[in-house]
Amino acid sequence: MRTLALAATAAFAGGALLTQTVIVPSWRAAPPEVFLARFATEGPITGATVFPFELASLVLLALSIRGGSARWWWAAATVCSAGTFVLLLYFVPANLALLDPAFPPRDVAGALAAWNRWDWLRTGLGVAATAFAVGAQLSVRAERRR
């Protein structure tokens, strides 16, 4: 289970990094009307692809905390993963606003700039969760060698 926790967390972090380094820059470079048309399909597909890994990460990390010397590593990874869920308080309304056909094109640049900042935070939390989960796995391996 702990290996699955690490795998799901790394998959989420990888998806978040891909979103931030490839998808978001292409959205920001597009004219507002083009972005809104693309986001109508790319936004939900991106979310549907990444969210299951985010959810699996949180559940599996939380289940990994129990017992052992690595529990603090697992707890730190879980806290980071939980942080990505707290950010849904921003992302759900922001995404729904961008999916609204009445969203004003003149507001796209500002909305995307804010979205980008919050998504870098989510990405950082995902990468940190992965690093803590790797630390946990390494700690467990080191403990077994003793």
Protein backbone atom coordinates (compact mmCIF):
# COMPACT_ATOMS: atom_id res chain seq x y z
CA MET A 1 0.00 0.00 0.00
CA ARG A 2 2.80 2.43 0.82
CA THR A 3 4.36 1.85 -2.58
CA LEU A 4 0.97 2.69 -4.13
CA ALA A 5 0.82 5.82 -1.97
CA LEU A 6 4.19 6.91 -3.32
CA ALA A 7 3.21 6.05 -6.91
CA ALA A 8 -0.10 7.94 -6.74
CA THR A 9 1.58 10.94 -5.13
CA ALA A 10 4.34 11.00 -7.75
CA ALA A 11 1.76 10.64 -10.54
CA PHE A 12 -0.17 13.61 -9.17
CA ALA A 13 3.00 15.69 -8.84
CA GLY A 14 4.04 14.75 -12.38
CA GLY A 15 0.64 15.70 -13.75
CA ALA A 16 0.73 18.99 -11.86
CA LEU A 17 4.22 19.75 -13.19
CA LEU A 18 3.13 18.94 -16.74
CA THR A 19 0.12 21.21 -16.34
CA GLN A 20 2.26 24.06 -15.02
CA THR A 21 5.11 23.79 -17.51
CA VAL A 22 3.23 22.90 -20.71
CA ILE A 23 -0.51 23.43 -20.53
CA VAL A 24 -0.80 26.64 -18.52
CA PRO A 25 1.83 28.53 -20.58
CA SER A 26 -0.02 27.60 -23.77
CA TRP A 27 -3.29 28.80 -22.23
CA ARG A 28 -1.70 32.08 -21.18
CA ALA A 29 -0.22 32.61 -24.66
CA ALA A 30 -3.56 32.12 -26.41
CA PRO A 31 -5.92 35.00 -27.17
CA PRO A 32 -8.69 35.14 -24.52
CA GLU A 33 -11.42 33.81 -26.81
CA VAL A 34 -9.20 30.93 -27.93
CA PHE A 35 -8.26 30.11 -24.34
CA LEU A 36 -11.91 30.05 -23.23
CA ALA A 37 -12.80 27.68 -26.07
CA ARG A 38 -9.84 25.42 -25.26
CA PHE A 39 -10.45 25.50 -21.52
CA ALA A 40 -13.99 24.25 -22.09
CA THR A 41 -12.52 20.91 -23.15
CA GLU A 42 -8.94 20.91 -21.81
CA GLY A 43 -9.81 22.12 -18.31
CA PRO A 44 -12.25 19.32 -17.41
CA ILE A 45 -10.10 16.66 -19.12
CA THR A 46 -6.99 17.82 -17.25
CA GLY A 47 -8.88 17.80 -13.97
CA ALA A 48 -10.41 14.39 -14.64
CA THR A 49 -6.95 13.02 -15.40
CA VAL A 50 -5.12 14.48 -12.40
CA PHE A 51 -7.81 14.42 -9.69
CA PRO A 52 -7.99 10.62 -9.25
CA PHE A 53 -4.26 10.58 -8.48
CA GLU A 54 -4.69 13.48 -6.07
CA LEU A 55 -7.50 11.64 -4.26
CA ALA A 56 -5.67 8.30 -4.24
CA SER A 57 -2.57 10.07 -2.93
CA LEU A 58 -4.41 11.60 0.00
CA VAL A 59 -6.22 8.39 0.97
CA LEU A 60 -3.20 6.10 0.60
CA LEU A 61 -0.83 8.50 2.35
CA ALA A 62 -3.24 8.87 5.26
CA LEU A 63 -3.45 5.09 5.55
CA SER A 64 0.36 4.87 5.50
CA ILE A 65 0.84 6.94 8.65
CA ARG A 66 0.14 4.09 11.05
CA GLY A 67 3.06 2.69 13.00
CA GLY A 68 6.72 2.48 12.25
CA SER A 69 9.54 4.94 12.48
CA ALA A 70 8.61 6.48 9.13
CA ARG A 71 5.18 7.65 10.31
CA TRP A 72 6.37 11.26 10.57
CA TRP A 73 7.50 11.16 6.94
CA TRP A 74 4.10 9.76 5.93
CA ALA A 75 2.33 12.36 8.06
CA ALA A 76 4.27 15.19 6.41
CA ALA A 77 3.40 13.79 2.97
CA THR A 78 -0.24 13.53 4.00
CA VAL A 79 -0.31 17.14 5.23
CA CYS A 80 1.06 18.32 1.87
CA SER A 81 -1.45 16.19 0.01
CA ALA A 82 -4.28 17.51 2.19
CA GLY A 83 -3.12 21.01 1.29
CA THR A 84 -3.84 20.29 -2.37
CA PHE A 85 -7.40 19.44 -1.34
CA VAL A 86 -7.81 22.67 0.61
CA LEU A 87 -6.88 24.49 -2.60
CA LEU A 88 -9.98 23.02 -4.23
CA LEU A 89 -11.79 25.82 -2.37
CA TYR A 90 -10.16 28.10 -4.93
CA PHE A 91 -10.01 25.83 -7.98
CA VAL A 92 -13.61 24.62 -8.11
CA PRO A 93 -15.16 28.10 -8.27
CA ALA A 94 -12.33 29.45 -10.46
CA ASN A 95 -12.72 26.61 -12.97
CA LEU A 96 -16.50 26.89 -12.99
CA ALA A 97 -16.19 30.62 -13.68
CA LEU A 98 -13.83 29.98 -16.61
CA LEU A 99 -16.23 27.35 -17.96
CA ASP A 100 -19.14 29.81 -17.90
CA PRO A 101 -19.85 30.91 -21.49
CA ALA A 102 -20.51 34.42 -20.14
CA PHE A 103 -16.97 34.76 -18.72
CA PRO A 104 -15.67 38.09 -20.07
CA PRO A 105 -12.61 37.70 -22.33
CA ARG A 106 -11.15 40.92 -20.89
CA ASP A 107 -10.85 39.16 -17.50
CA VAL A 108 -8.99 36.10 -18.80
CA ALA A 109 -5.44 37.40 -18.28
CA GLY A 110 -6.06 38.28 -14.63
CA ALA A 111 -7.94 35.07 -13.93
CA LEU A 112 -5.20 32.96 -15.50
CA ALA A 113 -2.47 34.83 -13.62
CA ALA A 114 -4.21 34.04 -10.32
CA TRP A 115 -4.92 30.45 -11.42
CA ASN A 116 -1.24 30.05 -12.31
CA ARG A 117 -0.06 31.28 -8.89
CA TRP A 118 -2.41 28.96 -6.99
CA ASP A 119 -1.52 26.03 -9.24
CA TRP A 120 2.19 26.53 -8.57
CA LEU A 121 1.36 26.24 -4.87
CA ARG A 122 -0.60 23.02 -5.54
CA THR A 123 2.26 21.70 -7.66
CA GLY A 124 4.78 22.52 -4.94
CA LEU A 125 2.68 20.70 -2.37
CA GLY A 126 2.47 17.68 -4.67
CA VAL A 127 6.23 17.64 -5.21
CA ALA A 128 6.84 18.07 -1.46
CA ALA A 129 4.41 15.23 -0.69
CA THR A 130 6.33 13.05 -3.13
CA ALA A 131 9.66 13.97 -1.53
CA PHE A 132 8.31 13.12 1.95
CA ALA A 133 6.90 9.81 0.67
CA VAL A 134 10.28 8.97 -0.85
CA GLY A 135 11.87 9.86 2.49
CA ALA A 136 9.44 7.51 4.20
CA GLN A 137 10.26 4.67 1.84
CA LEU A 138 13.99 5.22 2.29
CA SER A 139 13.57 5.34 6.05
CA VAL A 140 11.69 2.04 6.02
CA ARG A 141 14.38 0.42 3.85
CA ALA A 142 17.14 1.71 6.11
CA GLU A 143 15.30 0.37 9.15
CA ARG A 144 14.97 -3.07 7.54
CA ARG A 145 18.72 -3.19 6.86
CA ARG A 146 19.57 -2.67 10.51
